Amino acid sequence: MKTNLDLVNECDNFPYYENDPEEYTRLRSTCWELHLEEGSGPYGYIRQSVMEKMPWDHNAWQIDGEKRHIMPAPKLCTHPQENVIKETLEKAKTGDIFQVLKGWRNELYPIYGSYSSRKPIVSMERAGSALFGINSYGVHMTVYVNDPQGMKIWVPRRARNKQTYGGMLDNTVAGGLSTGEKPFECLVRECAEEASFSEQLVRSNAKPCGTVSYFFIRDARAGGEAGLLQPECQYIFDMEIGAEVIPKPGDNEVEDFYLWTVDEVKRALAEGQFKPNCAVVLLDFFIRHGILTAEHEKDYMEIVSRLHRKLPFPTS
């Protein structure tokens, strides 16, 4: 059975220099830095295995082997740097080089500029984001009911044929945040698609509750190559609903919904049934609702701090 700290360690598993400088240095030595024309990088970490396989056009990329930096070089090829990234990923997809690109979404993820601007400067195909190790963003919402027996949480099971984490448990509603999309508008869309919640219900009852951030080294369950890097920030929402409101799968991504007691959710967490980032979102929910407290959790301070990791690249 997994402890709560085990769940955090499974999701936030990129080493911290202050905790393990040797492992941090070893892992960083296997990474190249993604830089962009605007400077103030890096904007992502690319694993050595990706560098060796990616079909780089040396007329479109500046590759500095000494510094282990790579940057689109549109001045060399007259294409905007976003097009350089797009064409490189499309060539890799056509060449069937990376398994992760089999999940091509035709959705764009943003890369944000310097902390002073906090504006997207480049976007790239969602399926390629982990190849470049850029920050990605999403929305996660926990929907719950309070009845005479206490709090109960709506828990979906992901479709077993999903490329990523098929058959695992999830947060009630969750989805990736595309370029130009606001978190709450993304939530409204995902609620309709995944749980058949009406727009009026969501706009009237969903409450923003901050963020959860972590740096994940992907494993085989994520789909595609293991070891790719995925720093993420999730915008978190809660929504309390009445017993008469029942979520229903609105697309092919969810198999079913279960209304579980807090103890049932805790048991499933300990058994490792939840997708790793969904597990830490639930821990955050438990902390905010006074379910997980310092009096009953010896690793409380470590868990709280690790749920809000400062990511190494500029954020939104």
C-alpha atoms as a PDB file:
ATOM      1  CA  MET A   1       0.000   0.000   0.000  1.00  0.00           C
ATOM      2  CA  LYS A   2       1.261   3.488  -0.864  1.00  0.00           C
ATOM      3  CA  THR A   3       1.627   6.297   1.633  1.00  0.00           C
ATOM      4  CA  ASN A   4       0.556   9.832   0.759  1.00  0.00           C
ATOM      5  CA  LEU A   5       4.200  10.799   0.350  1.00  0.00           C
ATOM      6  CA  ASP A   6       4.681   7.829  -1.987  1.00  0.00           C
ATOM      7  CA  LEU A   7       1.927   9.286  -4.177  1.00  0.00           C
ATOM      8  CA  VAL A   8       3.681  12.653  -4.262  1.00  0.00           C
ATOM      9  CA  ASN A   9       7.039  11.031  -5.027  1.00  0.00           C
ATOM     10  CA  GLU A  10       5.498   9.091  -7.900  1.00  0.00           C
ATOM     11  CA  CYS A  11       4.231  12.282  -9.559  1.00  0.00           C
ATOM     12  CA  ASP A  12       6.870  14.848  -8.568  1.00  0.00           C
ATOM     13  CA  ASN A  13       9.774  12.539  -9.359  1.00  0.00           C
ATOM     14  CA  PHE A  14      12.314  14.810 -11.065  1.00  0.00           C
ATOM     15  CA  PRO A  15      15.046  15.084  -8.410  1.00  0.00           C
ATOM     16  CA  TYR A  16      15.608  18.206  -6.324  1.00  0.00           C
ATOM     17  CA  TYR A  17      19.196  19.416  -6.254  1.00  0.00           C
ATOM     18  CA  GLU A  18      19.053  20.194  -2.530  1.00  0.00           C
ATOM     19  CA  ASN A  19      17.833  16.672  -1.693  1.00  0.00           C
ATOM     20  CA  ASP A  20      20.009  14.612  -4.036  1.00  0.00           C
ATOM     21  CA  PRO A  21      22.619  16.702  -5.879  1.00  0.00           C
ATOM     22  CA  GLU A  22      24.284  13.630  -7.376  1.00  0.00           C
ATOM     23  CA  GLU A  23      21.090  12.259  -8.960  1.00  0.00           C
ATOM     24  CA  TYR A  24      19.982  15.741 -10.056  1.00  0.00           C
ATOM     25  CA  THR A  25      23.343  16.360 -11.741  1.00  0.00           C
ATOM     26  CA  ARG A  26      23.294  12.923 -13.378  1.00  0.00           C
ATOM     27  CA  LEU A  27      19.823  13.457 -14.820  1.00  0.00           C
ATOM     28  CA  ARG A  28      20.514  17.017 -15.960  1.00  0.00           C
ATOM     29  CA  SER A  29      23.608  15.771 -17.754  1.00  0.00           C
ATOM     30  CA  THR A  30      21.320  13.663 -19.974  1.00  0.00           C
ATOM     31  CA  CYS A  31      19.300  16.737 -21.008  1.00  0.00           C
ATOM     32  CA  TRP A  32      19.668  19.474 -23.584  1.00  0.00           C
ATOM     33  CA  GLU A  33      18.134  22.906 -23.029  1.00  0.00           C
ATOM     34  CA  LEU A  34      15.519  24.291 -25.402  1.00  0.00           C
ATOM     35  CA  HIS A  35      16.096  27.999 -26.051  1.00  0.00           C
ATOM     36  CA  LEU A  36      14.081  30.466 -28.124  1.00  0.00           C
ATOM     37  CA  GLU A  37      14.859  33.735 -29.865  1.00  0.00           C
ATOM     38  CA  GLU A  38      13.396  35.792 -27.026  1.00  0.00           C
ATOM     39  CA  GLY A  39      16.107  34.670 -24.618  1.00  0.00           C
ATOM     40  CA  SER A  40      15.520  34.223 -20.868  1.00  0.00           C
ATOM     41  CA  GLY A  41      15.547  30.459 -21.386  1.00  0.00           C
ATOM     42  CA  PRO A  42      15.676  27.588 -21.005  1.00  0.00           C
ATOM     43  CA  TYR A  43      12.096  26.716 -21.917  1.00  0.00           C
ATOM     44  CA  GLY A  44      12.376  22.928 -21.757  1.00  0.00           C
ATOM     45  CA  TYR A  45      14.671  19.949 -21.191  1.00  0.00           C
ATOM     46  CA  ILE A  46      15.190  17.489 -24.052  1.00  0.00           C
ATOM     47  CA  ARG A  47      16.521  14.014 -23.229  1.00  0.00           C
ATOM     48  CA  GLN A  48      19.637  12.787 -25.022  1.00  0.00           C
ATOM     49  CA  SER A  49      17.659   9.914 -26.555  1.00  0.00           C
ATOM     50  CA  VAL A  50      15.319  12.442 -28.189  1.00  0.00           C
ATOM     51  CA  MET A  51      18.217  14.546 -29.458  1.00  0.00           C
ATOM     52  CA  GLU A  52      19.699  11.500 -31.159  1.00  0.00           C
ATOM     53  CA  LYS A  53      16.469  10.490 -32.937  1.00  0.00           C
ATOM     54  CA  MET A  54      14.768  13.781 -33.785  1.00  0.00           C
ATOM     55  CA  PRO A  55      15.129  14.717 -37.491  1.00  0.00           C
ATOM     56  CA  TRP A  56      16.747  18.097 -36.889  1.00  0.00           C
ATOM     57  CA  ASP A  57      17.212  20.279 -39.960  1.00  0.00           C
ATOM     58  CA  HIS A  58      20.604  21.856 -39.364  1.00  0.00           C
ATOM     59  CA  ASN A  59      19.569  24.745 -41.594  1.00  0.00           C
ATOM     60  CA  ALA A  60      16.688  25.490 -39.222  1.00  0.00           C
ATOM     61  CA  TRP A  61      18.179  24.743 -35.785  1.00  0.00           C
ATOM     62  CA  GLN A  62      21.214  26.083 -33.959  1.00  0.00           C
ATOM     63  CA  ILE A  63      22.732  23.171 -32.045  1.00  0.00           C
ATOM     64  CA  ASP A  64      25.463  23.960 -29.521  1.00  0.00           C
ATOM     65  CA  GLY A  65      27.013  20.675 -28.434  1.00  0.00           C
ATOM     66  CA  GLU A  66      29.345  22.303 -25.906  1.00  0.00           C
ATOM     67  CA  LYS A  67      26.584  24.080 -23.992  1.00  0.00           C
ATOM     68  CA  ARG A  68      23.994  21.392 -24.862  1.00  0.00           C
ATOM     69  CA  HIS A  69      21.625  24.103 -26.086  1.00  0.00           C
ATOM     70  CA  ILE A  70      19.295  23.888 -29.079  1.00  0.00           C
ATOM     71  CA  MET A  71      17.283  26.745 -30.571  1.00  0.00           C
ATOM     72  CA  PRO A  72      15.128  27.239 -33.664  1.00  0.00           C
ATOM     73  CA  ALA A  73      17.054  29.438 -36.080  1.00  0.00           C
ATOM     74  CA  PRO A  74      14.466  31.017 -38.393  1.00  0.00           C
ATOM     75  CA  LYS A  75      17.055  33.495 -39.688  1.00  0.00           C
ATOM     76  CA  LEU A  76      18.763  30.561 -41.355  1.00  0.00           C
ATOM     77  CA  CYS A  77      15.617  29.198 -43.007  1.00  0.00           C
ATOM     78  CA  THR A  78      13.267  32.237 -43.202  1.00  0.00           C
ATOM     79  CA  HIS A  79      10.540  30.344 -41.282  1.00  0.00           C
ATOM     80  CA  PRO A  80       9.119  31.592 -37.948  1.00  0.00           C
ATOM     81  CA  GLN A  81      10.490  29.572 -35.025  1.00  0.00           C
ATOM     82  CA  GLU A  82       7.033  28.093 -34.322  1.00  0.00           C
ATOM     83  CA  ASN A  83       6.994  26.699 -37.864  1.00  0.00           C
ATOM     84  CA  VAL A  84      10.460  25.229 -37.362  1.00  0.00           C
ATOM     85  CA  ILE A  85       9.187  23.298 -34.327  1.00  0.00           C
ATOM     86  CA  LYS A  86       5.978  22.300 -36.141  1.00  0.00           C
ATOM     87  CA  GLU A  87       7.777  21.007 -39.220  1.00  0.00           C
ATOM     88  CA  THR A  88      10.289  19.063 -37.132  1.00  0.00           C
ATOM     89  CA  LEU A  89       7.531  17.317 -35.169  1.00  0.00           C
ATOM     90  CA  GLU A  90       5.544  16.588 -38.333  1.00  0.00           C
ATOM     91  CA  LYS A  91       8.631  15.029 -39.920  1.00  0.00           C
ATOM     92  CA  ALA A  92       9.165  12.879 -36.827  1.00  0.00           C
ATOM     93  CA  LYS A  93       5.496  11.825 -36.918  1.00  0.00           C
ATOM     94  CA  THR A  94       5.635  10.952 -40.610  1.00  0.00           C
ATOM     95  CA  GLY A  95       8.802   8.959 -40.004  1.00  0.00           C
ATOM     96  CA  ASP A  96       7.177   7.057 -37.124  1.00  0.00           C
ATOM     97  CA  ILE A  97      10.194   7.888 -34.960  1.00  0.00           C
ATOM     98  CA  PHE A  98       8.518   8.389 -31.574  1.00  0.00           C
ATOM     99  CA  GLN A  99       5.719   6.308 -30.087  1.00  0.00           C
ATOM    100  CA  VAL A 100       4.425   9.337 -28.177  1.00  0.00           C
ATOM    101  CA  LEU A 101       3.502  11.044 -31.459  1.00  0.00           C
ATOM    102  CA  LYS A 102       0.972   8.310 -32.210  1.00  0.00           C
ATOM    103  CA  GLY A 103      -1.222  10.311 -29.850  1.00  0.00           C
ATOM    104  CA  TRP A 104      -1.153  13.368 -32.139  1.00  0.00           C
ATOM    105  CA  ARG A 105      -4.024  15.644 -31.037  1.00  0.00           C
ATOM    106  CA  ASN A 106      -3.979  18.638 -33.380  1.00  0.00           C
ATOM    107  CA  GLU A 107      -4.021  20.712 -30.189  1.00  0.00           C
ATOM    108  CA  LEU A 108      -1.460  23.388 -29.431  1.00  0.00           C
ATOM    109  CA  TYR A 109       0.265  23.867 -26.088  1.00  0.00           C
ATOM    110  CA  PRO A 110       1.816  27.265 -25.274  1.00  0.00           C
ATOM    111  CA  ILE A 111       5.364  28.097 -24.276  1.00  0.00           C
ATOM    112  CA  TYR A 112       5.401  31.236 -22.158  1.00  0.00           C
ATOM    113  CA  GLY A 113       8.008  33.958 -22.395  1.00  0.00           C
ATOM    114  CA  SER A 114       9.905  35.642 -19.617  1.00  0.00           C
ATOM    115  CA  TYR A 115       8.376  36.061 -16.184  1.00  0.00           C
ATOM    116  CA  SER A 116       7.973  39.780 -16.878  1.00  0.00           C
ATOM    117  CA  SER A 117       5.730  39.186 -19.916  1.00  0.00           C
ATOM    118  CA  ARG A 118       3.914  35.944 -19.016  1.00  0.00           C
ATOM    119  CA  LYS A 119       2.621  35.712 -22.585  1.00  0.00           C
ATOM    120  CA  PRO A 120       2.797  32.745 -24.970  1.00  0.00           C
ATOM    121  CA  ILE A 121       5.596  33.230 -27.464  1.00  0.00           C
ATOM    122  CA  VAL A 122       5.448  29.867 -29.262  1.00  0.00           C
ATOM    123  CA  SER A 123       3.007  26.966 -29.432  1.00  0.00           C
ATOM    124  CA  MET A 124       3.621  23.334 -30.282  1.00  0.00           C
ATOM    125  CA  GLU A 125       1.591  20.174 -30.869  1.00  0.00           C
ATOM    126  CA  ARG A 126       0.438  18.700 -27.571  1.00  0.00           C
ATOM    127  CA  ALA A 127       1.758  15.219 -28.352  1.00  0.00           C
ATOM    128  CA  GLY A 128       5.253  16.640 -28.847  1.00  0.00           C
ATOM    129  CA  SER A 129       5.393  18.651 -25.636  1.00  0.00           C
ATOM    130  CA  ALA A 130       7.070  15.894 -23.608  1.00  0.00           C
ATOM    131  CA  LEU A 131       9.730  15.422 -26.305  1.00  0.00           C
ATOM    132  CA  PHE A 132      10.793  19.025 -25.674  1.00  0.00           C
ATOM    133  CA  GLY A 133      10.126  18.847 -21.912  1.00  0.00           C
ATOM    134  CA  ILE A 134       8.184  22.109 -21.823  1.00  0.00           C
ATOM    135  CA  ASN A 135       5.729  23.221 -19.141  1.00  0.00           C
ATOM    136  CA  SER A 136       2.196  22.064 -19.810  1.00  0.00           C
ATOM    137  CA  TYR A 137      -1.028  23.223 -18.197  1.00  0.00           C
ATOM    138  CA  GLY A 138      -4.413  21.761 -17.446  1.00  0.00           C
ATOM    139  CA  VAL A 139      -7.556  21.991 -15.350  1.00  0.00           C
ATOM    140  CA  HIS A 140      -8.665  19.422 -12.748  1.00  0.00           C
ATOM    141  CA  MET A 141     -11.900  19.519 -10.785  1.00  0.00           C
ATOM    142  CA  THR A 142     -13.107  17.407  -7.870  1.00  0.00           C
ATOM    143  CA  VAL A 143     -16.903  17.165  -7.719  1.00  0.00           C
ATOM    144  CA  TYR A 144     -18.434  16.104  -4.429  1.00  0.00           C
ATOM    145  CA  VAL A 145     -21.732  15.610  -2.629  1.00  0.00           C
ATOM    146  CA  ASN A 146     -22.487  16.197   1.044  1.00  0.00           C
ATOM    147  CA  ASP A 147     -25.273  13.923   2.287  1.00  0.00           C
ATOM    148  CA  PRO A 148     -26.319  12.694   5.771  1.00  0.00           C
ATOM    149  CA  GLN A 149     -23.594  10.011   5.595  1.00  0.00           C
ATOM    150  CA  GLY A 150     -20.899  12.622   4.920  1.00  0.00           C
ATOM    151  CA  MET A 151     -18.845  13.714   1.906  1.00  0.00           C
ATOM    152  CA  LYS A 152     -18.800  11.583  -1.235  1.00  0.00           C
ATOM    153  CA  ILE A 153     -16.654  12.194  -4.322  1.00  0.00           C
ATOM    154  CA  TRP A 154     -17.451  11.477  -7.954  1.00  0.00           C
ATOM    155  CA  VAL A 155     -14.598   9.382  -9.379  1.00  0.00           C
ATOM    156  CA  PRO A 156     -14.371   8.446 -13.079  1.00  0.00           C
ATOM    157  CA  ARG A 157     -12.539   5.486 -14.566  1.00  0.00           C
ATOM    158  CA  ARG A 158     -10.639   6.285 -17.734  1.00  0.00           C
ATOM    159  CA  ALA A 159     -11.534   4.301 -20.838  1.00  0.00           C
ATOM    160  CA  ARG A 160      -9.380   1.185 -20.946  1.00  0.00           C
ATOM    161  CA  ASN A 161      -8.428   1.815 -24.576  1.00  0.00           C
ATOM    162  CA  LYS A 162      -6.970   5.276 -23.904  1.00  0.00           C
ATOM    163  CA  GLN A 163      -3.341   5.606 -24.961  1.00  0.00           C
ATOM    164  CA  THR A 164      -2.497   7.277 -21.643  1.00  0.00           C
ATOM    165  CA  TYR A 165      -3.275   5.641 -18.286  1.00  0.00           C
ATOM    166  CA  GLY A 166      -6.025   3.464 -19.717  1.00  0.00           C
ATOM    167  CA  GLY A 167      -8.363   2.031 -17.056  1.00  0.00           C
ATOM    168  CA  MET A 168      -6.958   4.134 -14.210  1.00  0.00           C
ATOM    169  CA  LEU A 169      -9.023   6.366 -11.928  1.00  0.00           C
ATOM    170  CA  ASP A 170      -9.110  10.118 -12.548  1.00  0.00           C
ATOM    171  CA  ASN A 171     -10.371  13.378 -11.112  1.00  0.00           C
ATOM    172  CA  THR A 172     -14.038  14.077 -11.834  1.00  0.00           C
ATOM    173  CA  VAL A 173     -13.177  16.359 -14.756  1.00  0.00           C
ATOM    174  CA  ALA A 174      -9.730  17.091 -16.177  1.00  0.00           C
ATOM    175  CA  GLY A 175      -8.169  18.228 -19.409  1.00  0.00           C
ATOM    176  CA  GLY A 176      -5.268  19.986 -21.069  1.00  0.00           C
ATOM    177  CA  LEU A 177      -5.208  23.758 -21.492  1.00  0.00           C
ATOM    178  CA  SER A 178      -4.594  24.786 -25.108  1.00  0.00           C
ATOM    179  CA  THR A 179      -2.998  27.970 -26.377  1.00  0.00           C
ATOM    180  CA  GLY A 180      -5.304  30.954 -25.924  1.00  0.00           C
ATOM    181  CA  GLU A 181      -7.740  29.112 -23.668  1.00  0.00           C
ATOM    182  CA  LYS A 182      -8.595  30.467 -20.225  1.00  0.00           C
ATOM    183  CA  PRO A 183      -8.676  27.917 -17.378  1.00  0.00           C
ATOM    184  CA  PHE A 184     -12.345  28.389 -16.490  1.00  0.00           C
ATOM    185  CA  GLU A 185     -13.483  28.246 -20.117  1.00  0.00           C
ATOM    186  CA  CYS A 186     -11.430  25.083 -20.561  1.00  0.00           C
ATOM    187  CA  LEU A 187     -13.153  23.647 -17.486  1.00  0.00           C
ATOM    188  CA  VAL A 188     -16.623  24.432 -18.860  1.00  0.00           C
ATOM    189  CA  ARG A 189     -15.746  22.673 -22.117  1.00  0.00           C
ATOM    190  CA  GLU A 190     -14.251  19.625 -20.419  1.00  0.00           C
ATOM    191  CA  CYS A 191     -17.249  19.338 -18.060  1.00  0.00           C
ATOM    192  CA  ALA A 192     -19.606  19.068 -21.020  1.00  0.00           C
ATOM    193  CA  GLU A 193     -17.368  16.633 -22.906  1.00  0.00           C
ATOM    194  CA  GLU A 194     -16.398  14.317 -20.065  1.00  0.00           C
ATOM    195  CA  ALA A 195     -19.249  14.446 -17.544  1.00  0.00           C
ATOM    196  CA  SER A 196     -22.245  15.966 -19.404  1.00  0.00           C
ATOM    197  CA  PHE A 197     -22.445  18.793 -16.846  1.00  0.00           C
ATOM    198  CA  SER A 198     -24.394  21.794 -18.130  1.00  0.00           C
ATOM    199  CA  GLU A 199     -22.654  25.105 -18.631  1.00  0.00           C
ATOM    200  CA  GLN A 200     -25.050  26.772 -16.198  1.00  0.00           C
ATOM    201  CA  LEU A 201     -24.258  24.223 -13.469  1.00  0.00           C
ATOM    202  CA  VAL A 202     -20.517  24.718 -13.855  1.00  0.00           C
ATOM    203  CA  ARG A 203     -20.570  28.502 -14.092  1.00  0.00           C
ATOM    204  CA  SER A 204     -22.785  28.732 -11.011  1.00  0.00           C
ATOM    205  CA  ASN A 205     -21.019  26.206  -8.780  1.00  0.00           C
ATOM    206  CA  ALA A 206     -17.392  25.561  -9.769  1.00  0.00           C
ATOM    207  CA  LYS A 207     -14.897  27.293  -7.461  1.00  0.00           C
ATOM    208  CA  PRO A 208     -11.246  28.029  -8.338  1.00  0.00           C
ATOM    209  CA  CYS A 209      -8.921  26.687  -5.632  1.00  0.00           C
ATOM    210  CA  GLY A 210      -5.404  27.526  -6.764  1.00  0.00           C
ATOM    211  CA  THR A 211      -2.870  25.355  -8.555  1.00  0.00           C
ATOM    212  CA  VAL A 212      -0.867  22.170  -8.150  1.00  0.00           C
ATOM    213  CA  SER A 213       2.532  21.877  -9.844  1.00  0.00           C
ATOM    214  CA  TYR A 214       5.100  19.089 -10.147  1.00  0.00           C
ATOM    215  CA  PHE A 215       7.866  17.788 -12.418  1.00  0.00           C
ATOM    216  CA  PHE A 216       7.047  14.327 -13.732  1.00  0.00           C
ATOM    217  CA  ILE A 217       9.333  11.812 -15.416  1.00  0.00           C
ATOM    218  CA  ARG A 218       6.926   9.805 -17.549  1.00  0.00           C
ATOM    219  CA  ASP A 219       6.651   6.031 -17.322  1.00  0.00           C
ATOM    220  CA  ALA A 220       5.143   3.504 -19.736  1.00  0.00           C
ATOM    221  CA  ARG A 221       1.601   4.170 -18.493  1.00  0.00           C
ATOM    222  CA  ALA A 222       1.765   7.694 -19.927  1.00  0.00           C
ATOM    223  CA  GLY A 223       1.928   6.299 -23.459  1.00  0.00           C
ATOM    224  CA  GLY A 224       4.965   6.476 -25.692  1.00  0.00           C
ATOM    225  CA  GLU A 225       8.568   6.507 -24.565  1.00  0.00           C
ATOM    226  CA  ALA A 226       9.325   6.210 -20.863  1.00  0.00           C
ATOM    227  CA  GLY A 227      11.659   8.797 -19.361  1.00  0.00           C
ATOM    228  CA  LEU A 228      10.316  11.859 -21.159  1.00  0.00           C
ATOM    229  CA  LEU A 229      10.029  14.979 -19.010  1.00  0.00           C
ATOM    230  CA  GLN A 230       6.714  16.633 -18.175  1.00  0.00           C
ATOM    231  CA  PRO A 231       6.716  19.647 -15.846  1.00  0.00           C
ATOM    232  CA  GLU A 232       3.084  20.603 -15.282  1.00  0.00           C
ATOM    233  CA  CYS A 233       0.840  23.133 -13.588  1.00  0.00           C
ATOM    234  CA  GLN A 234      -2.811  22.266 -12.998  1.00  0.00           C
ATOM    235  CA  TYR A 235      -5.490  24.856 -12.248  1.00  0.00           C
ATOM    236  CA  ILE A 236      -7.649  23.327  -9.516  1.00  0.00           C
ATOM    237  CA  PHE A 237     -11.410  23.634  -9.053  1.00  0.00           C
ATOM    238  CA  ASP A 238     -13.973  22.184  -6.640  1.00  0.00           C
ATOM    239  CA  MET A 239     -17.691  21.832  -7.249  1.00  0.00           C
ATOM    240  CA  GLU A 240     -20.300  20.732  -4.734  1.00  0.00           C
ATOM    241  CA  ILE A 241     -23.485  19.390  -6.299  1.00  0.00           C
ATOM    242  CA  GLY A 242     -26.723  17.874  -5.081  1.00  0.00           C
ATOM    243  CA  ALA A 243     -27.418  14.158  -4.982  1.00  0.00           C
ATOM    244  CA  GLU A 244     -29.797  14.552  -7.920  1.00  0.00           C
ATOM    245  CA  VAL A 245     -26.969  15.579 -10.288  1.00  0.00           C
ATOM    246  CA  ILE A 246     -25.243  12.548 -11.768  1.00  0.00           C
ATOM    247  CA  PRO A 247     -22.285  12.834 -14.160  1.00  0.00           C
ATOM    248  CA  LYS A 248     -22.521  10.811 -17.364  1.00  0.00           C
ATOM    249  CA  PRO A 249     -19.709  10.145 -19.853  1.00  0.00           C
ATOM    250  CA  GLY A 250     -20.076  12.581 -22.720  1.00  0.00           C
ATOM    251  CA  ASP A 251     -17.261  11.212 -24.886  1.00  0.00           C
ATOM    252  CA  ASN A 252     -15.195   8.058 -25.247  1.00  0.00           C
ATOM    253  CA  GLU A 253     -12.584   9.060 -22.648  1.00  0.00           C
ATOM    254  CA  VAL A 254     -14.501   7.957 -19.532  1.00  0.00           C
ATOM    255  CA  GLU A 255     -15.800   4.454 -18.912  1.00  0.00           C
ATOM    256  CA  ASP A 256     -17.939   5.110 -15.830  1.00  0.00           C
ATOM    257  CA  PHE A 257     -18.399   7.274 -12.728  1.00  0.00           C
ATOM    258  CA  TYR A 258     -18.485   6.083  -9.109  1.00  0.00           C
ATOM    259  CA  LEU A 259     -19.790   8.001  -6.095  1.00  0.00           C
ATOM    260  CA  TRP A 260     -17.374   7.029  -3.331  1.00  0.00           C
ATOM    261  CA  THR A 261     -16.937   7.911   0.302  1.00  0.00           C
ATOM    262  CA  VAL A 262     -13.703   9.606   1.372  1.00  0.00           C
ATOM    263  CA  ASP A 263     -12.510   6.307   2.861  1.00  0.00           C
ATOM    264  CA  GLU A 264     -13.129   4.522  -0.439  1.00  0.00           C
ATOM    265  CA  VAL A 265     -11.144   7.183  -2.291  1.00  0.00           C
ATOM    266  CA  LYS A 266      -8.308   6.910   0.266  1.00  0.00           C
ATOM    267  CA  ARG A 267      -8.216   3.147  -0.208  1.00  0.00           C
ATOM    268  CA  ALA A 268      -8.028   3.454  -4.005  1.00  0.00           C
ATOM    269  CA  LEU A 269      -5.225   6.012  -3.631  1.00  0.00           C
ATOM    270  CA  ALA A 270      -3.251   3.681  -1.381  1.00  0.00           C
ATOM    271  CA  GLU A 271      -3.749   0.865  -3.890  1.00  0.00           C
ATOM    272  CA  GLY A 272      -2.276   2.997  -6.683  1.00  0.00           C
ATOM    273  CA  GLN A 273      -5.451   3.010  -8.757  1.00  0.00           C
ATOM    274  CA  PHE A 274      -5.327   6.744  -9.579  1.00  0.00           C
ATOM    275  CA  LYS A 275      -3.415   8.402 -12.397  1.00  0.00           C
ATOM    276  CA  PRO A 276      -0.369   9.964 -10.655  1.00  0.00           C
ATOM    277  CA  ASN A 277      -1.272  13.630 -11.110  1.00  0.00           C
ATOM    278  CA  CYS A 278      -4.900  12.960 -10.165  1.00  0.00           C
ATOM    279  CA  ALA A 279      -3.679  11.422  -6.909  1.00  0.00           C
ATOM    280  CA  VAL A 280      -1.842  14.604  -5.918  1.00  0.00           C
ATOM    281  CA  VAL A 281      -4.844  16.756  -6.871  1.00  0.00           C
ATOM    282  CA  LEU A 282      -6.920  14.678  -4.451  1.00  0.00           C
ATOM    283  CA  LEU A 283      -4.296  15.115  -1.731  1.00  0.00           C
ATOM    284  CA  ASP A 284      -4.567  18.871  -2.266  1.00  0.00           C
ATOM    285  CA  PHE A 285      -8.364  18.566  -1.991  1.00  0.00           C
ATOM    286  CA  PHE A 286      -8.032  16.604   1.265  1.00  0.00           C
ATOM    287  CA  ILE A 287      -5.678  19.230   2.708  1.00  0.00           C
ATOM    288  CA  ARG A 288      -7.950  22.122   1.815  1.00  0.00           C
ATOM    289  CA  HIS A 289     -11.021  20.373   3.265  1.00  0.00           C
ATOM    290  CA  GLY A 290      -9.308  19.399   6.518  1.00  0.00           C
ATOM    291  CA  ILE A 291      -9.344  15.688   5.707  1.00  0.00           C
ATOM    292  CA  LEU A 292      -5.543  15.402   5.580  1.00  0.00           C
ATOM    293  CA  THR A 293      -3.998  17.209   8.550  1.00  0.00           C
ATOM    294  CA  ALA A 294      -0.663  17.569  10.316  1.00  0.00           C
ATOM    295  CA  GLU A 295      -2.089  15.713  13.323  1.00  0.00           C
ATOM    296  CA  HIS A 296      -2.598  12.534  11.291  1.00  0.00           C
ATOM    297  CA  GLU A 297       0.098  12.740   8.586  1.00  0.00           C
ATOM    298  CA  LYS A 298       3.764  12.675   9.614  1.00  0.00           C
ATOM    299  CA  ASP A 299       4.884  13.928   6.173  1.00  0.00           C
ATOM    300  CA  TYR A 300       2.364  16.778   6.083  1.00  0.00           C
ATOM    301  CA  MET A 301       4.800  19.675   5.519  1.00  0.00           C
ATOM    302  CA  GLU A 302       6.732  17.801   2.831  1.00  0.00           C
ATOM    303  CA  ILE A 303       3.508  16.920   1.018  1.00  0.00           C
ATOM    304  CA  VAL A 304       2.135  20.474   1.142  1.00  0.00           C
ATOM    305  CA  SER A 305       5.341  22.009  -0.216  1.00  0.00           C
ATOM    306  CA  ARG A 306       5.783  19.384  -2.934  1.00  0.00           C
ATOM    307  CA  LEU A 307       2.276  20.021  -4.305  1.00  0.00           C
ATOM    308  CA  HIS A 308       3.441  23.494  -5.335  1.00  0.00           C
ATOM    309  CA  ARG A 309       6.828  22.974  -6.947  1.00  0.00           C
ATOM    310  CA  LYS A 310       8.467  25.963  -8.583  1.00  0.00           C
ATOM    311  CA  LEU A 311       9.067  24.838 -12.154  1.00  0.00           C
ATOM    312  CA  PRO A 312      12.395  25.604 -13.842  1.00  0.00           C
ATOM    313  CA  PHE A 313      10.857  27.342 -16.890  1.00  0.00           C
ATOM    314  CA  PRO A 314       8.749  30.510 -17.246  1.00  0.00           C
ATOM    315  CA  THR A 315       5.090  29.937 -16.378  1.00  0.00           C
ATOM    316  CA  SER A 316       1.802  31.579 -17.313  1.00  0.00           C
END
